[in-house]
Amino acid sequence: MVAVGTFFYCLLSAVVPVANAEVYLVGVAVTTDSPPVLLAVAAASGQVLGKMAFYLLGRGVIDLSRLRRHSRTTGRWTERMARVSDWCDRHAWGPSAVTLVSAVVGLPPFAVVSVLAGTLRMRWWLFALCGLIGRFVRFLAVLLAPGVVPAGVLGWPF
């Protein structure tokens, strides 16, 4: 049952930035006996399903132009993403590598990379696979982290 809740919370956190998946997972890790691998699979699956909306946005399947009055993407961020896009164009494996790294470390932000992957016409299944692998690694590390710190070291009772 915890895995189902984890899936849905991480699905929500994929599209609502204030719902932090990592904080939720630390809480789950210290309060339940659920297997971390199962929780990491559930969390990664929910996140990637949610990020598919961003991918579809980049692909042009979802059109939000009616909802925004003007574009706010200007300046350094636009230039950085243009450089990433150019690099991906020069390297066939580029979109996969950027997606995998972003899914693990969060830089560039996975939501932005999800839109970029759609814009670059990365195959949806390859985006999903790289995202699942990366998010699984990230979330498994988060779930195992509370067990790495000895009990009481940080003043926590667990």
N, C-alpha and C. Protein backbone atom coordinates (compact mmCIF):
# COMPACT_ATOMS: atom_id res chain seq x y z
N MET A 1 0.82 -1.19 0.00
CA MET A 1 0.00 0.00 0.00
C MET A 1 0.87 1.27 0.00
N VAL A 2 2.01 1.22 0.69
CA VAL A 2 2.92 2.36 0.72
C VAL A 2 3.47 2.63 -0.68
N ALA A 3 3.72 1.57 -1.44
CA ALA A 3 4.25 1.73 -2.79
C ALA A 3 3.24 2.44 -3.70
N VAL A 4 1.97 2.14 -3.54
CA VAL A 4 0.93 2.79 -4.35
C VAL A 4 0.86 4.28 -4.01
N GLY A 5 0.90 4.59 -2.72
CA GLY A 5 0.91 5.99 -2.30
C GLY A 5 2.15 6.72 -2.80
N THR A 6 3.28 6.02 -2.77
CA THR A 6 4.53 6.60 -3.26
C THR A 6 4.44 6.90 -4.75
N PHE A 7 3.86 5.97 -5.51
CA PHE A 7 3.68 6.18 -6.95
C PHE A 7 2.87 7.45 -7.20
N PHE A 8 1.73 7.57 -6.53
CA PHE A 8 0.85 8.71 -6.78
C PHE A 8 1.45 10.03 -6.26
N TYR A 9 2.13 9.98 -5.13
CA TYR A 9 2.76 11.21 -4.64
C TYR A 9 3.84 11.66 -5.62
N CYS A 10 4.63 10.74 -6.12
CA CYS A 10 5.70 11.10 -7.05
C CYS A 10 5.15 11.52 -8.41
N LEU A 11 4.03 10.96 -8.80
CA LEU A 11 3.34 11.44 -10.01
C LEU A 11 2.94 12.90 -9.82
N LEU A 12 2.36 13.21 -8.67
CA LEU A 12 1.98 14.58 -8.36
C LEU A 12 3.21 15.49 -8.31
N SER A 13 4.27 15.02 -7.66
CA SER A 13 5.47 15.85 -7.51
C SER A 13 6.16 16.13 -8.85
N ALA A 14 5.88 15.31 -9.84
CA ALA A 14 6.47 15.52 -11.16
C ALA A 14 5.90 16.76 -11.84
N VAL A 15 4.68 17.13 -11.48
CA VAL A 15 4.04 18.27 -12.14
C VAL A 15 3.78 19.45 -11.20
N VAL A 16 3.88 19.22 -9.89
CA VAL A 16 3.67 20.28 -8.90
C VAL A 16 5.00 20.47 -8.14
N PRO A 17 5.73 21.53 -8.47
CA PRO A 17 7.08 21.70 -7.91
C PRO A 17 7.17 21.75 -6.38
N VAL A 18 6.13 22.20 -5.70
CA VAL A 18 6.21 22.29 -4.24
C VAL A 18 6.04 20.94 -3.55
N ALA A 19 5.60 19.93 -4.27
CA ALA A 19 5.49 18.58 -3.73
C ALA A 19 6.83 17.88 -3.98
N ASN A 20 7.69 17.86 -2.98
CA ASN A 20 9.05 17.37 -3.14
C ASN A 20 9.11 15.85 -2.92
N ALA A 21 9.49 15.12 -3.95
CA ALA A 21 9.55 13.66 -3.88
C ALA A 21 10.62 13.19 -2.90
N GLU A 22 11.77 13.85 -2.89
CA GLU A 22 12.86 13.41 -2.02
C GLU A 22 12.51 13.52 -0.54
N VAL A 23 11.88 14.60 -0.16
CA VAL A 23 11.47 14.78 1.23
C VAL A 23 10.45 13.71 1.62
N TYR A 24 9.51 13.46 0.74
CA TYR A 24 8.53 12.41 0.96
C TYR A 24 9.21 11.06 1.14
N LEU A 25 10.16 10.76 0.28
CA LEU A 25 10.83 9.45 0.33
C LEU A 25 11.65 9.27 1.60
N VAL A 26 12.29 10.33 2.07
CA VAL A 26 13.02 10.23 3.34
C VAL A 26 12.04 9.92 4.46
N GLY A 27 10.90 10.58 4.45
CA GLY A 27 9.87 10.30 5.45
C GLY A 27 9.39 8.87 5.39
N VAL A 28 9.17 8.37 4.20
CA VAL A 28 8.74 6.98 4.03
C VAL A 28 9.84 6.02 4.49
N ALA A 29 11.07 6.33 4.18
CA ALA A 29 12.19 5.46 4.54
C ALA A 29 12.34 5.30 6.05
N VAL A 30 12.08 6.37 6.79
CA VAL A 30 12.27 6.29 8.25
C VAL A 30 11.02 5.85 9.00
N THR A 31 9.88 5.79 8.32
CA THR A 31 8.65 5.43 9.03
C THR A 31 8.04 4.10 8.61
N THR A 32 8.57 3.46 7.56
CA THR A 32 8.00 2.19 7.12
C THR A 32 9.09 1.14 6.95
N ASP A 33 8.64 -0.10 6.84
CA ASP A 33 9.56 -1.21 6.58
C ASP A 33 9.47 -1.68 5.14
N SER A 34 8.88 -0.88 4.27
CA SER A 34 8.75 -1.26 2.86
C SER A 34 10.12 -1.38 2.22
N PRO A 35 10.28 -2.34 1.33
CA PRO A 35 11.58 -2.52 0.67
C PRO A 35 11.96 -1.28 -0.16
N PRO A 36 13.15 -0.75 0.04
CA PRO A 36 13.57 0.44 -0.71
C PRO A 36 13.54 0.26 -2.22
N VAL A 37 13.86 -0.92 -2.70
CA VAL A 37 13.85 -1.15 -4.16
C VAL A 37 12.43 -1.00 -4.71
N LEU A 38 11.45 -1.58 -4.01
CA LEU A 38 10.05 -1.46 -4.44
C LEU A 38 9.60 0.00 -4.43
N LEU A 39 9.96 0.72 -3.38
CA LEU A 39 9.59 2.14 -3.29
C LEU A 39 10.28 2.97 -4.37
N ALA A 40 11.54 2.64 -4.66
CA ALA A 40 12.27 3.37 -5.71
C ALA A 40 11.64 3.12 -7.08
N VAL A 41 11.20 1.90 -7.34
CA VAL A 41 10.52 1.60 -8.60
C VAL A 41 9.20 2.37 -8.69
N ALA A 42 8.44 2.38 -7.60
CA ALA A 42 7.16 3.10 -7.59
C ALA A 42 7.38 4.61 -7.78
N ALA A 43 8.37 5.15 -7.07
CA ALA A 43 8.65 6.59 -7.16
C ALA A 43 9.12 6.96 -8.57
N ALA A 44 10.03 6.19 -9.12
CA ALA A 44 10.55 6.47 -10.46
C ALA A 44 9.45 6.37 -11.50
N SER A 45 8.60 5.37 -11.38
CA SER A 45 7.50 5.20 -12.34
C SER A 45 6.53 6.38 -12.28
N GLY A 46 6.18 6.81 -11.08
CA GLY A 46 5.29 7.96 -10.95
C GLY A 46 5.90 9.23 -11.50
N GLN A 47 7.18 9.46 -11.19
CA GLN A 47 7.86 10.67 -11.69
C GLN A 47 7.93 10.68 -13.21
N VAL A 48 8.32 9.57 -13.80
CA VAL A 48 8.48 9.54 -15.26
C VAL A 48 7.12 9.67 -15.95
N LEU A 49 6.10 9.05 -15.39
CA LEU A 49 4.76 9.23 -15.97
C LEU A 49 4.35 10.70 -15.93
N GLY A 50 4.63 11.37 -14.83
CA GLY A 50 4.33 12.79 -14.73
C GLY A 50 5.16 13.63 -15.68
N LYS A 51 6.43 13.29 -15.83
CA LYS A 51 7.32 14.05 -16.72
C LYS A 51 6.98 13.82 -18.18
N MET A 52 6.23 12.76 -18.49
CA MET A 52 5.79 12.54 -19.87
C MET A 52 4.90 13.70 -20.33
N ALA A 53 4.20 14.35 -19.41
CA ALA A 53 3.40 15.53 -19.78
C ALA A 53 4.32 16.63 -20.30
N PHE A 54 5.47 16.82 -19.65
CA PHE A 54 6.43 17.83 -20.11
C PHE A 54 7.03 17.41 -21.45
N TYR A 55 7.31 16.13 -21.60
CA TYR A 55 7.82 15.61 -22.88
C TYR A 55 6.81 15.90 -24.00
N LEU A 56 5.54 15.61 -23.74
CA LEU A 56 4.50 15.84 -24.75
C LEU A 56 4.33 17.32 -25.05
N LEU A 57 4.57 18.15 -24.05
CA LEU A 57 4.56 19.59 -24.25
C LEU A 57 5.65 19.99 -25.24
N GLY A 58 6.85 19.47 -25.03
CA GLY A 58 7.96 19.75 -25.94
C GLY A 58 7.73 19.19 -27.32
N ARG A 59 7.05 18.08 -27.39
CA ARG A 59 6.76 17.43 -28.66
C ARG A 59 5.68 18.17 -29.45
N GLY A 60 4.93 19.03 -28.76
CA GLY A 60 3.87 19.78 -29.42
C GLY A 60 2.51 19.12 -29.33
N VAL A 61 2.42 17.98 -28.65
CA VAL A 61 1.14 17.29 -28.50
C VAL A 61 0.23 18.06 -27.56
N ILE A 62 0.81 18.63 -26.50
CA ILE A 62 0.07 19.47 -25.56
C ILE A 62 0.43 20.91 -25.88
N ASP A 63 -0.58 21.74 -26.08
CA ASP A 63 -0.36 23.14 -26.42
C ASP A 63 -0.90 24.03 -25.31
N LEU A 64 -0.01 24.76 -24.65
CA LEU A 64 -0.40 25.64 -23.57
C LEU A 64 -0.39 27.11 -23.97
N SER A 65 -0.28 27.40 -25.26
CA SER A 65 -0.16 28.79 -25.70
C SER A 65 -1.36 29.63 -25.28
N ARG A 66 -2.51 29.02 -25.16
CA ARG A 66 -3.70 29.78 -24.74
C ARG A 66 -3.64 30.17 -23.27
N LEU A 67 -2.86 29.43 -22.47
CA LEU A 67 -2.82 29.68 -21.04
C LEU A 67 -1.80 30.73 -20.63
N ARG A 68 -0.85 31.04 -21.49
CA ARG A 68 0.16 32.03 -21.11
C ARG A 68 0.01 33.28 -21.96
N ARG A 69 0.28 34.39 -21.36
CA ARG A 69 0.12 35.67 -22.06
C ARG A 69 1.38 36.03 -22.82
N HIS A 70 2.53 35.71 -22.26
CA HIS A 70 3.80 35.98 -22.93
C HIS A 70 4.84 34.99 -22.44
N SER A 71 5.83 34.75 -23.25
CA SER A 71 6.89 33.82 -22.88
C SER A 71 7.82 34.45 -21.86
N ARG A 72 8.18 33.67 -20.83
CA ARG A 72 9.08 34.18 -19.81
C ARG A 72 10.46 33.53 -19.91
N THR A 73 10.71 32.77 -20.94
CA THR A 73 11.99 32.10 -21.07
C THR A 73 12.93 32.97 -21.91
N THR A 74 13.72 33.75 -21.22
CA THR A 74 14.69 34.61 -21.89
C THR A 74 15.99 34.59 -21.10
N GLY A 75 17.00 35.19 -21.68
CA GLY A 75 18.25 35.39 -20.96
C GLY A 75 19.15 34.17 -20.92
N ARG A 76 19.88 34.06 -19.81
CA ARG A 76 20.90 33.01 -19.68
C ARG A 76 20.32 31.61 -19.77
N TRP A 77 19.16 31.39 -19.19
CA TRP A 77 18.59 30.05 -19.20
C TRP A 77 18.31 29.59 -20.63
N THR A 78 17.74 30.46 -21.44
CA THR A 78 17.46 30.14 -22.83
C THR A 78 18.76 29.85 -23.58
N GLU A 79 19.79 30.63 -23.31
CA GLU A 79 21.09 30.40 -23.96
C GLU A 79 21.68 29.06 -23.55
N ARG A 80 21.60 28.73 -22.28
CA ARG A 80 22.13 27.45 -21.80
C ARG A 80 21.41 26.28 -22.45
N MET A 81 20.09 26.35 -22.50
CA MET A 81 19.33 25.27 -23.11
C MET A 81 19.60 25.18 -24.61
N ALA A 82 19.85 26.29 -25.25
CA ALA A 82 20.21 26.28 -26.67
C ALA A 82 21.55 25.57 -26.87
N ARG A 83 22.50 25.81 -25.95
CA ARG A 83 23.79 25.12 -26.03
C ARG A 83 23.64 23.62 -25.82
N VAL A 84 22.80 23.23 -24.86
CA VAL A 84 22.54 21.80 -24.62
C VAL A 84 21.89 21.19 -25.86
N SER A 85 20.94 21.90 -26.45
CA SER A 85 20.27 21.42 -27.65
C SER A 85 21.25 21.26 -28.81
N ASP A 86 22.13 22.23 -29.00
CA ASP A 86 23.15 22.14 -30.06
C ASP A 86 24.08 20.95 -29.83
N TRP A 87 24.49 20.75 -28.58
CA TRP A 87 25.37 19.63 -28.26
C TRP A 87 24.67 18.31 -28.55
N CYS A 88 23.38 18.21 -28.20
CA CYS A 88 22.61 17.00 -28.46
C CYS A 88 22.47 16.75 -29.96
N ASP A 89 22.36 17.81 -30.75
CA ASP A 89 22.27 17.66 -32.20
C ASP A 89 23.56 17.08 -32.79
N ARG A 90 24.70 17.43 -32.19
CA ARG A 90 25.99 16.96 -32.69
C ARG A 90 26.34 15.54 -32.24
N HIS A 91 25.68 15.06 -31.22
CA HIS A 91 25.97 13.73 -30.68
C HIS A 91 24.69 12.90 -30.67
N ALA A 92 24.69 11.79 -31.39
CA ALA A 92 23.48 10.96 -31.48
C ALA A 92 23.01 10.46 -30.12
N TRP A 93 23.94 10.20 -29.24
CA TRP A 93 23.61 9.70 -27.90
C TRP A 93 23.36 10.84 -26.92
N GLY A 94 23.50 12.08 -27.36
CA GLY A 94 23.38 13.25 -26.49
C GLY A 94 22.08 13.34 -25.71
N PRO A 95 20.93 13.27 -26.37
CA PRO A 95 19.67 13.38 -25.61
C PRO A 95 19.54 12.31 -24.53
N SER A 96 19.97 11.09 -24.84
CA SER A 96 19.89 10.02 -23.85
C SER A 96 20.80 10.31 -22.66
N ALA A 97 22.01 10.76 -22.94
CA ALA A 97 22.96 11.06 -21.87
C ALA A 97 22.47 12.20 -21.00
N VAL A 98 22.00 13.26 -21.63
CA VAL A 98 21.50 14.41 -20.87
C VAL A 98 20.29 14.01 -20.03
N THR A 99 19.40 13.21 -20.60
CA THR A 99 18.21 12.76 -19.86
C THR A 99 18.61 11.90 -18.67
N LEU A 100 19.53 10.98 -18.88
CA LEU A 100 19.96 10.10 -17.79
C LEU A 100 20.64 10.88 -16.67
N VAL A 101 21.57 11.75 -17.03
CA VAL A 101 22.27 12.55 -16.02
C VAL A 101 21.29 13.45 -15.27
N SER A 102 20.39 14.09 -15.99
CA SER A 102 19.42 14.96 -15.36
C SER A 102 18.50 14.19 -14.42
N ALA A 103 18.11 13.00 -14.82
CA ALA A 103 17.22 12.19 -13.98
C ALA A 103 17.91 11.77 -12.68
N VAL A 104 19.23 11.57 -12.73
CA VAL A 104 19.96 11.17 -11.53
C VAL A 104 20.29 12.36 -10.65
N VAL A 105 20.90 13.40 -11.21
CA VAL A 105 21.42 14.50 -10.38
C VAL A 105 20.52 15.74 -10.36
N GLY A 106 19.60 15.85 -11.29
CA GLY A 106 18.69 16.99 -11.29
C GLY A 106 19.23 18.24 -11.96
N LEU A 107 20.38 18.15 -12.62
CA LEU A 107 20.95 19.28 -13.36
C LEU A 107 21.31 18.84 -14.76
N PRO A 108 20.82 19.48 -15.78
CA PRO A 108 19.77 20.50 -15.75
C PRO A 108 18.48 19.90 -15.17
N PRO A 109 17.58 20.76 -14.72
CA PRO A 109 16.35 20.25 -14.11
C PRO A 109 15.62 19.26 -15.02
N PHE A 110 15.15 18.17 -14.42
CA PHE A 110 14.54 17.10 -15.20
C PHE A 110 13.29 17.56 -15.94
N ALA A 111 12.54 18.49 -15.39
CA ALA A 111 11.35 19.01 -16.08
C ALA A 111 11.76 19.72 -17.37
N VAL A 112 12.82 20.51 -17.31
CA VAL A 112 13.30 21.22 -18.49
C VAL A 112 13.84 20.23 -19.53
N VAL A 113 14.58 19.24 -19.06
CA VAL A 113 15.13 18.23 -19.97
C VAL A 113 14.00 17.42 -20.59
N SER A 114 12.93 17.21 -19.87
CA SER A 114 11.78 16.49 -20.42
C SER A 114 11.18 17.25 -21.60
N VAL A 115 11.04 18.56 -21.46
CA VAL A 115 10.53 19.38 -22.58
C VAL A 115 11.54 19.35 -23.72
N LEU A 116 12.82 19.48 -23.40
CA LEU A 116 13.87 19.46 -24.41
C LEU A 116 13.88 18.13 -25.18
N ALA A 117 13.70 17.02 -24.47
CA ALA A 117 13.67 15.71 -25.12
C ALA A 117 12.53 15.63 -26.13
N GLY A 118 11.38 16.17 -25.76
CA GLY A 118 10.26 16.20 -26.70
C GLY A 118 10.53 17.10 -27.89
N THR A 119 11.13 18.25 -27.62
CA THR A 119 11.46 19.20 -28.69
C THR A 119 12.45 18.59 -29.68
N LEU A 120 13.41 17.83 -29.15
CA LEU A 120 14.43 17.19 -30.00
C LEU A 120 13.92 15.93 -30.68
N ARG A 121 12.66 15.60 -30.44
CA ARG A 121 12.03 14.41 -31.03
C ARG A 121 12.71 13.11 -30.60
N MET A 122 13.20 13.10 -29.35
CA MET A 122 13.75 11.88 -28.78
C MET A 122 12.61 10.86 -28.72
N ARG A 123 12.91 9.62 -29.01
CA ARG A 123 11.87 8.59 -28.96
C ARG A 123 11.29 8.53 -27.55
N TRP A 124 9.96 8.43 -27.46
CA TRP A 124 9.30 8.47 -26.16
C TRP A 124 9.76 7.34 -25.28
N TRP A 125 9.94 6.14 -25.84
CA TRP A 125 10.33 4.99 -25.03
C TRP A 125 11.76 5.14 -24.53
N LEU A 126 12.62 5.79 -25.31
CA LEU A 126 14.00 6.02 -24.88
C LEU A 126 14.04 7.07 -23.76
N PHE A 127 13.23 8.11 -23.91
CA PHE A 127 13.11 9.10 -22.84
C PHE A 127 12.62 8.43 -21.56
N ALA A 128 11.57 7.61 -21.67
CA ALA A 128 11.01 6.94 -20.50
C ALA A 128 12.03 5.99 -19.87
N LEU A 129 12.76 5.25 -20.69
CA LEU A 129 13.75 4.31 -20.17
C LEU A 129 14.89 5.03 -19.44
N CYS A 130 15.44 6.06 -20.07
CA CYS A 130 16.52 6.83 -19.43
C CYS A 130 16.02 7.50 -18.15
N GLY A 131 14.81 8.04 -18.20
CA GLY A 131 14.23 8.67 -17.02
C GLY A 131 13.99 7.67 -15.90
N LEU A 132 13.47 6.48 -16.24
CA LEU A 132 13.23 5.46 -15.22
C LEU A 132 14.52 4.99 -14.56
N ILE A 133 15.53 4.74 -15.36
CA ILE A 133 16.81 4.29 -14.81
C ILE A 133 17.40 5.38 -13.90
N GLY A 134 17.44 6.59 -14.41
CA GLY A 134 18.02 7.69 -13.64
C GLY A 134 17.26 7.99 -12.36
N ARG A 135 15.93 8.06 -12.45
CA ARG A 135 15.14 8.35 -11.26
C ARG A 135 15.19 7.19 -10.26
N PHE A 136 15.26 5.95 -10.75
CA PHE A 136 15.40 4.81 -9.85
C PHE A 136 16.69 4.93 -9.03
N VAL A 137 17.79 5.23 -9.71
CA VAL A 137 19.08 5.38 -9.01
C VAL A 137 18.99 6.51 -7.99
N ARG A 138 18.45 7.64 -8.39
CA ARG A 138 18.33 8.79 -7.49
C ARG A 138 17.47 8.46 -6.27
N PHE A 139 16.31 7.88 -6.52
CA PHE A 139 15.38 7.62 -5.43
C PHE A 139 15.85 6.48 -4.53
N LEU A 140 16.53 5.50 -5.08
CA LEU A 140 17.08 4.44 -4.24
C LEU A 140 18.14 5.02 -3.30
N ALA A 141 18.96 5.91 -3.81
CA ALA A 141 19.97 6.57 -2.96
C ALA A 141 19.30 7.37 -1.85
N VAL A 142 18.22 8.07 -2.17
CA VAL A 142 17.49 8.85 -1.16
C VAL A 142 16.88 7.93 -0.12
N LEU A 143 16.30 6.82 -0.55
CA LEU A 143 15.67 5.89 0.37
C LEU A 143 16.68 5.19 1.28
N LEU A 144 17.88 4.96 0.78
CA LEU A 144 18.91 4.29 1.58
C LEU A 144 19.69 5.25 2.46
N ALA A 145 19.63 6.54 2.17
CA ALA A 145 20.41 7.53 2.91
C ALA A 145 20.14 7.55 4.41
N PRO A 146 18.87 7.47 4.86
CA PRO A 146 18.66 7.50 6.32
C PRO A 146 19.36 6.35 7.05
N GLY A 147 19.54 5.21 6.40
CA GLY A 147 20.22 4.08 7.02
C GLY A 147 21.72 4.23 7.05
N VAL A 148 22.26 5.15 6.28
CA VAL A 148 23.71 5.37 6.23
C VAL A 148 24.17 6.17 7.44
N VAL A 149 23.35 7.11 7.88
CA VAL A 149 23.68 7.94 9.03
C VAL A 149 23.28 7.17 10.30
N PRO A 150 24.22 6.92 11.21
CA PRO A 150 23.89 6.18 12.44
C PRO A 150 22.83 6.91 13.26
N ALA A 151 21.98 6.13 13.89
CA ALA A 151 20.89 6.68 14.69
C ALA A 151 21.42 7.62 15.76
N GLY A 152 20.78 8.75 15.92
CA GLY A 152 21.12 9.70 16.95
C GLY A 152 22.23 10.68 16.60
N VAL A 153 22.95 10.47 15.50
CA VAL A 153 24.06 11.35 15.15
C VAL A 153 23.58 12.77 14.88
N LEU A 154 22.48 12.89 14.20
CA LEU A 154 21.96 14.22 13.86
C LEU A 154 20.96 14.73 14.88
N GLY A 155 20.86 14.04 15.99
CA GLY A 155 19.89 14.44 17.01
C GLY A 155 18.51 13.90 16.77
N TRP A 156 18.36 13.06 15.73
CA TRP A 156 17.06 12.44 15.42
C TRP A 156 16.94 11.15 16.20
N PRO A 157 15.77 10.80 16.64
CA PRO A 157 15.60 9.57 17.41
C PRO A 157 15.64 8.30 16.55
N PHE A 158 15.62 8.41 15.24
CA PHE A 158 15.59 7.23 14.37
C PHE A 158 16.89 7.04 13.65
